[in-house]
Amino acid sequence: MKRIIMLLALACIAAQASAGVIPKFKLGVKAGLDYQSNKLSSASDLRFEASTGWFAGVQGDLSWKNFGIHPEILYSRNTFDIAGDMGNIKLNKLDIPVLLQYRFWNIFALQAGPTFCVMTNTSGRMASVDWELQRPTMGYALGAEARIWKLNISARYNGSFNRSEVLGFTTGKNKIDTFQLGVGVYF
């Protein structure tokens, strides 16, 4: 999967470079709401309540006419409550999406690509069992963005390719899906 995405990115760069187009680069900041659902499969029958948190970070935009690469580094924070007053889980993570984008009408863009997630502080207490997630995960992101002047508004779905292991449960596996609404500005 990594090789296919890398080949697509290189093909876009090569096609635009051969056309004599010089890429434009922009750097900006971004923040917004982060709605996460957490699917835990374990020996115990636990149910997480979906959580709304926040995210903030930096964004870049490297574009050649209609095509481009849109990298970001976003810090997000959520807290999940466990159904039945069994405890809660704090989820702080660093998301690093590297998205290919296609712009049309000079306002809208469709974006897709891989996202890498590093858990920075993920721990909790459930029914007197302490646990944490430590393994970095890789997933995918699909979204759209509208840009007017230097302001951009985005909506994105982030999904996980695989489940990460949960320490503290013998058979625990965890999968986090995220929907983000964000506002950003380019300098």
C-alpha atoms as a PDB file:
ATOM      1  CA  MET A   1       0.000   0.000   0.000  1.00  0.00           C
ATOM      2  CA  LYS A   2       2.824   2.394   0.881  1.00  0.00           C
ATOM      3  CA  ARG A   3       4.524   1.700  -2.443  1.00  0.00           C
ATOM      4  CA  ILE A   4       1.356   2.348  -4.447  1.00  0.00           C
ATOM      5  CA  ILE A   5       0.764   5.680  -2.728  1.00  0.00           C
ATOM      6  CA  MET A   6       4.395   6.676  -3.194  1.00  0.00           C
ATOM      7  CA  LEU A   7       4.265   5.756  -6.896  1.00  0.00           C
ATOM      8  CA  LEU A   8       1.067   7.791  -7.362  1.00  0.00           C
ATOM      9  CA  ALA A   9       2.632  10.801  -5.666  1.00  0.00           C
ATOM     10  CA  LEU A  10       5.775  10.522  -7.802  1.00  0.00           C
ATOM     11  CA  ALA A  11       3.657  10.136 -10.963  1.00  0.00           C
ATOM     12  CA  CYS A  12       1.746  13.341 -10.118  1.00  0.00           C
ATOM     13  CA  ILE A  13       4.997  15.197  -9.472  1.00  0.00           C
ATOM     14  CA  ALA A  14       6.625  13.901 -12.656  1.00  0.00           C
ATOM     15  CA  ALA A  15       3.582  14.694 -14.824  1.00  0.00           C
ATOM     16  CA  GLN A  16       3.356  18.226 -13.516  1.00  0.00           C
ATOM     17  CA  ALA A  17       7.127  18.789 -13.666  1.00  0.00           C
ATOM     18  CA  SER A  18       7.272  17.701 -17.301  1.00  0.00           C
ATOM     19  CA  ALA A  19       4.524  20.222 -18.085  1.00  0.00           C
ATOM     20  CA  GLY A  20       6.824  22.974 -16.806  1.00  0.00           C
ATOM     21  CA  VAL A  21       4.622  23.943 -13.880  1.00  0.00           C
ATOM     22  CA  ILE A  22       6.395  25.180 -10.770  1.00  0.00           C
ATOM     23  CA  PRO A  23       4.740  23.899  -7.569  1.00  0.00           C
ATOM     24  CA  LYS A  24       3.290  26.320  -5.037  1.00  0.00           C
ATOM     25  CA  PHE A  25       3.776  25.700  -1.328  1.00  0.00           C
ATOM     26  CA  LYS A  26       1.653  27.108   1.498  1.00  0.00           C
ATOM     27  CA  LEU A  27       1.928  26.587   5.239  1.00  0.00           C
ATOM     28  CA  GLY A  28      -0.836  27.176   7.782  1.00  0.00           C
ATOM     29  CA  VAL A  29      -2.543  26.216  11.006  1.00  0.00           C
ATOM     30  CA  LYS A  30      -5.734  24.230  11.558  1.00  0.00           C
ATOM     31  CA  ALA A  31      -8.085  23.370  14.442  1.00  0.00           C
ATOM     32  CA  GLY A  32     -11.516  21.858  14.928  1.00  0.00           C
ATOM     33  CA  LEU A  33     -13.782  19.195  16.374  1.00  0.00           C
ATOM     34  CA  ASP A  34     -12.901  15.519  16.482  1.00  0.00           C
ATOM     35  CA  TYR A  35     -15.757  12.972  16.790  1.00  0.00           C
ATOM     36  CA  GLN A  36     -14.417   9.484  17.562  1.00  0.00           C
ATOM     37  CA  SER A  37     -15.985   6.092  17.897  1.00  0.00           C
ATOM     38  CA  ASN A  38     -13.963   3.425  19.636  1.00  0.00           C
ATOM     39  CA  LYS A  39     -14.626  -0.252  18.941  1.00  0.00           C
ATOM     40  CA  LEU A  40     -13.078  -2.517  21.547  1.00  0.00           C
ATOM     41  CA  SER A  41     -13.354  -6.277  21.226  1.00  0.00           C
ATOM     42  CA  SER A  42     -12.292  -8.099  24.355  1.00  0.00           C
ATOM     43  CA  ALA A  43     -13.192 -10.990  26.608  1.00  0.00           C
ATOM     44  CA  SER A  44     -15.294  -8.619  28.706  1.00  0.00           C
ATOM     45  CA  ASP A  45     -18.355  -7.107  27.061  1.00  0.00           C
ATOM     46  CA  LEU A  46     -17.544  -3.370  27.238  1.00  0.00           C
ATOM     47  CA  ARG A  47     -19.213  -0.590  25.268  1.00  0.00           C
ATOM     48  CA  PHE A  48     -17.626   2.816  24.720  1.00  0.00           C
ATOM     49  CA  GLU A  49     -19.688   5.948  24.307  1.00  0.00           C
ATOM     50  CA  ALA A  50     -18.691   7.994  21.226  1.00  0.00           C
ATOM     51  CA  SER A  51     -16.703  11.081  22.136  1.00  0.00           C
ATOM     52  CA  THR A  52     -16.286  14.607  20.802  1.00  0.00           C
ATOM     53  CA  GLY A  53     -12.921  16.228  21.383  1.00  0.00           C
ATOM     54  CA  TRP A  54     -10.707  18.723  19.634  1.00  0.00           C
ATOM     55  CA  PHE A  55      -7.639  18.839  17.399  1.00  0.00           C
ATOM     56  CA  ALA A  56      -5.072  21.480  16.422  1.00  0.00           C
ATOM     57  CA  GLY A  57      -1.917  21.531  14.339  1.00  0.00           C
ATOM     58  CA  VAL A  58      -0.115  22.643  11.211  1.00  0.00           C
ATOM     59  CA  GLN A  59      -1.000  21.998   7.580  1.00  0.00           C
ATOM     60  CA  GLY A  60       0.870  22.288   4.307  1.00  0.00           C
ATOM     61  CA  ASP A  61      -0.172  22.446   0.694  1.00  0.00           C
ATOM     62  CA  LEU A  62       2.140  21.618  -2.216  1.00  0.00           C
ATOM     63  CA  SER A  63       0.203  22.016  -5.454  1.00  0.00           C
ATOM     64  CA  TRP A  64       0.648  21.892  -9.204  1.00  0.00           C
ATOM     65  CA  LYS A  65      -2.437  23.430 -10.788  1.00  0.00           C
ATOM     66  CA  ASN A  66      -5.249  20.979  -9.876  1.00  0.00           C
ATOM     67  CA  PHE A  67      -3.148  18.261  -8.205  1.00  0.00           C
ATOM     68  CA  GLY A  68      -1.317  18.426  -4.928  1.00  0.00           C
ATOM     69  CA  ILE A  69      -0.032  16.872  -1.729  1.00  0.00           C
ATOM     70  CA  HIS A  70      -1.565  17.988   1.582  1.00  0.00           C
ATOM     71  CA  PRO A  71       0.463  16.937   4.683  1.00  0.00           C
ATOM     72  CA  GLU A  72      -0.606  17.761   8.248  1.00  0.00           C
ATOM     73  CA  ILE A  73       0.552  17.195  11.817  1.00  0.00           C
ATOM     74  CA  LEU A  74      -2.433  17.283  14.193  1.00  0.00           C
ATOM     75  CA  TYR A  75      -2.620  16.778  17.956  1.00  0.00           C
ATOM     76  CA  SER A  76      -6.029  15.517  19.103  1.00  0.00           C
ATOM     77  CA  ARG A  77      -7.552  14.921  22.529  1.00  0.00           C
ATOM     78  CA  ASN A  78     -10.647  12.887  23.484  1.00  0.00           C
ATOM     79  CA  THR A  79     -12.073  11.192  26.569  1.00  0.00           C
ATOM     80  CA  PHE A  80     -14.294   8.125  26.241  1.00  0.00           C
ATOM     81  CA  ASP A  81     -16.797   7.119  28.893  1.00  0.00           C
ATOM     82  CA  ILE A  82     -17.482   3.427  29.296  1.00  0.00           C
ATOM     83  CA  ALA A  83     -21.145   2.428  29.452  1.00  0.00           C
ATOM     84  CA  GLY A  84     -22.362   1.465  32.906  1.00  0.00           C
ATOM     85  CA  ASP A  85     -20.100   3.905  34.831  1.00  0.00           C
ATOM     86  CA  MET A  86     -17.165   1.518  34.553  1.00  0.00           C
ATOM     87  CA  GLY A  87     -14.593   4.290  34.004  1.00  0.00           C
ATOM     88  CA  ASN A  88     -13.167   6.445  31.277  1.00  0.00           C
ATOM     89  CA  ILE A  89     -10.282   6.512  28.831  1.00  0.00           C
ATOM     90  CA  LYS A  90      -8.136   9.475  27.828  1.00  0.00           C
ATOM     91  CA  LEU A  91      -6.961   9.400  24.246  1.00  0.00           C
ATOM     92  CA  ASN A  92      -4.269  11.881  23.171  1.00  0.00           C
ATOM     93  CA  LYS A  93      -2.665  11.229  19.815  1.00  0.00           C
ATOM     94  CA  LEU A  94      -0.619  12.727  17.028  1.00  0.00           C
ATOM     95  CA  ASP A  95      -2.109  12.228  13.546  1.00  0.00           C
ATOM     96  CA  ILE A  96       0.111  12.646  10.491  1.00  0.00           C
ATOM     97  CA  PRO A  97      -1.952  12.433   7.279  1.00  0.00           C
ATOM     98  CA  VAL A  98      -0.233  12.743   3.885  1.00  0.00           C
ATOM     99  CA  LEU A  99      -3.048  13.248   1.408  1.00  0.00           C
ATOM    100  CA  LEU A 100      -3.193  13.483  -2.355  1.00  0.00           C
ATOM    101  CA  GLN A 101      -5.660  16.115  -3.454  1.00  0.00           C
ATOM    102  CA  TYR A 102      -7.491  17.157  -6.591  1.00  0.00           C
ATOM    103  CA  ARG A 103      -8.784  20.741  -6.775  1.00  0.00           C
ATOM    104  CA  PHE A 104     -11.694  21.830  -8.943  1.00  0.00           C
ATOM    105  CA  TRP A 105     -13.406  25.169  -9.560  1.00  0.00           C
ATOM    106  CA  ASN A 106     -10.430  26.703  -7.746  1.00  0.00           C
ATOM    107  CA  ILE A 107     -12.371  26.432  -4.449  1.00  0.00           C
ATOM    108  CA  PHE A 108     -13.017  22.756  -3.639  1.00  0.00           C
ATOM    109  CA  ALA A 109     -10.616  19.846  -3.165  1.00  0.00           C
ATOM    110  CA  LEU A 110     -11.079  16.118  -2.673  1.00  0.00           C
ATOM    111  CA  GLN A 111      -8.403  14.459  -0.531  1.00  0.00           C
ATOM    112  CA  ALA A 112      -7.395  10.862   0.115  1.00  0.00           C
ATOM    113  CA  GLY A 113      -4.347   9.093   1.446  1.00  0.00           C
ATOM    114  CA  PRO A 114      -2.653   7.379   4.371  1.00  0.00           C
ATOM    115  CA  THR A 115      -2.586   8.682   7.917  1.00  0.00           C
ATOM    116  CA  PHE A 116      -0.171   7.649  10.636  1.00  0.00           C
ATOM    117  CA  CYS A 117      -1.208   7.819  14.279  1.00  0.00           C
ATOM    118  CA  VAL A 118       1.130   7.917  17.265  1.00  0.00           C
ATOM    119  CA  MET A 119      -0.529   7.586  20.667  1.00  0.00           C
ATOM    120  CA  THR A 120       1.039  10.164  22.998  1.00  0.00           C
ATOM    121  CA  ASN A 121      -0.946   9.570  26.195  1.00  0.00           C
ATOM    122  CA  THR A 122      -3.583   6.889  26.032  1.00  0.00           C
ATOM    123  CA  SER A 123      -4.584   5.371  29.299  1.00  0.00           C
ATOM    124  CA  GLY A 124      -7.618   4.626  31.363  1.00  0.00           C
ATOM    125  CA  ARG A 125      -9.188   2.802  34.245  1.00  0.00           C
ATOM    126  CA  MET A 126     -11.998   0.324  33.682  1.00  0.00           C
ATOM    127  CA  ALA A 127     -13.495  -1.679  36.511  1.00  0.00           C
ATOM    128  CA  SER A 128     -10.255  -1.394  38.545  1.00  0.00           C
ATOM    129  CA  VAL A 129      -8.070  -2.482  35.592  1.00  0.00           C
ATOM    130  CA  ASP A 130      -5.463   0.025  34.357  1.00  0.00           C
ATOM    131  CA  TRP A 131      -4.657  -0.198  30.669  1.00  0.00           C
ATOM    132  CA  GLU A 132      -3.092   1.709  27.799  1.00  0.00           C
ATOM    133  CA  LEU A 133      -2.650   1.698  24.038  1.00  0.00           C
ATOM    134  CA  GLN A 134       0.919   2.126  22.873  1.00  0.00           C
ATOM    135  CA  ARG A 135       1.219   0.819  19.352  1.00  0.00           C
ATOM    136  CA  PRO A 136       1.294   3.317  16.469  1.00  0.00           C
ATOM    137  CA  THR A 137      -1.378   2.657  13.865  1.00  0.00           C
ATOM    138  CA  MET A 138      -1.756   3.328  10.180  1.00  0.00           C
ATOM    139  CA  GLY A 139      -5.032   4.155   8.525  1.00  0.00           C
ATOM    140  CA  TYR A 140      -6.628   6.068   5.695  1.00  0.00           C
ATOM    141  CA  ALA A 141      -8.273   9.451   5.355  1.00  0.00           C
ATOM    142  CA  LEU A 142     -10.986  10.607   2.933  1.00  0.00           C
ATOM    143  CA  GLY A 143     -12.179  14.181   2.903  1.00  0.00           C
ATOM    144  CA  ALA A 144     -13.111  17.409   1.209  1.00  0.00           C
ATOM    145  CA  GLU A 145     -11.953  20.973   1.649  1.00  0.00           C
ATOM    146  CA  ALA A 146     -13.297  24.365   0.588  1.00  0.00           C
ATOM    147  CA  ARG A 147     -10.835  27.234   0.345  1.00  0.00           C
ATOM    148  CA  ILE A 148     -11.692  30.908   0.047  1.00  0.00           C
ATOM    149  CA  TRP A 149      -8.720  33.248  -0.003  1.00  0.00           C
ATOM    150  CA  LYS A 150      -6.480  32.034   2.890  1.00  0.00           C
ATOM    151  CA  LEU A 151      -9.273  30.392   4.885  1.00  0.00           C
ATOM    152  CA  ASN A 152     -10.109  26.699   4.487  1.00  0.00           C
ATOM    153  CA  ILE A 153     -12.926  24.556   5.901  1.00  0.00           C
ATOM    154  CA  SER A 154     -12.514  20.785   5.869  1.00  0.00           C
ATOM    155  CA  ALA A 155     -14.452  17.610   6.635  1.00  0.00           C
ATOM    156  CA  ARG A 156     -12.633  14.275   6.871  1.00  0.00           C
ATOM    157  CA  TYR A 157     -13.158  10.649   7.837  1.00  0.00           C
ATOM    158  CA  ASN A 158     -10.173   8.762   9.282  1.00  0.00           C
ATOM    159  CA  GLY A 159     -10.370   4.976   9.449  1.00  0.00           C
ATOM    160  CA  SER A 160      -7.990   2.322  10.766  1.00  0.00           C
ATOM    161  CA  PHE A 161      -6.575  -0.497   8.658  1.00  0.00           C
ATOM    162  CA  ASN A 162      -5.976  -2.736  11.654  1.00  0.00           C
ATOM    163  CA  ARG A 163      -6.692  -2.957  15.339  1.00  0.00           C
ATOM    164  CA  SER A 164      -4.138  -2.061  17.990  1.00  0.00           C
ATOM    165  CA  GLU A 165      -3.603  -4.208  21.056  1.00  0.00           C
ATOM    166  CA  VAL A 166      -4.904  -3.130  24.433  1.00  0.00           C
ATOM    167  CA  LEU A 167      -2.611  -3.768  27.394  1.00  0.00           C
ATOM    168  CA  GLY A 168      -4.475  -4.939  30.472  1.00  0.00           C
ATOM    169  CA  PHE A 169      -6.858  -7.246  28.587  1.00  0.00           C
ATOM    170  CA  THR A 170      -5.626 -10.628  27.427  1.00  0.00           C
ATOM    171  CA  THR A 171      -7.612 -10.627  24.161  1.00  0.00           C
ATOM    172  CA  GLY A 172      -8.307  -6.929  23.719  1.00  0.00           C
ATOM    173  CA  LYS A 173      -8.191  -5.286  20.299  1.00  0.00           C
ATOM    174  CA  ASN A 174      -9.130  -1.675  19.630  1.00  0.00           C
ATOM    175  CA  LYS A 175     -10.222   0.194  16.477  1.00  0.00           C
ATOM    176  CA  ILE A 176     -10.771   3.957  16.395  1.00  0.00           C
ATOM    177  CA  ASP A 177     -12.675   5.756  13.623  1.00  0.00           C
ATOM    178  CA  THR A 178     -12.723   9.554  13.501  1.00  0.00           C
ATOM    179  CA  PHE A 179     -14.769  12.249  11.773  1.00  0.00           C
ATOM    180  CA  GLN A 180     -13.167  15.710  11.805  1.00  0.00           C
ATOM    181  CA  LEU A 181     -14.536  19.165  11.037  1.00  0.00           C
ATOM    182  CA  GLY A 182     -11.856  21.812  10.867  1.00  0.00           C
ATOM    183  CA  VAL A 183     -11.087  25.421  10.041  1.00  0.00           C
ATOM    184  CA  GLY A 184      -7.661  26.589   8.998  1.00  0.00           C
ATOM    185  CA  VAL A 185      -5.751  29.518   7.616  1.00  0.00           C
ATOM    186  CA  TYR A 186      -2.712  29.646   5.321  1.00  0.00           C
ATOM    187  CA  PHE A 187       0.046  32.233   5.726  1.00  0.00           C
END
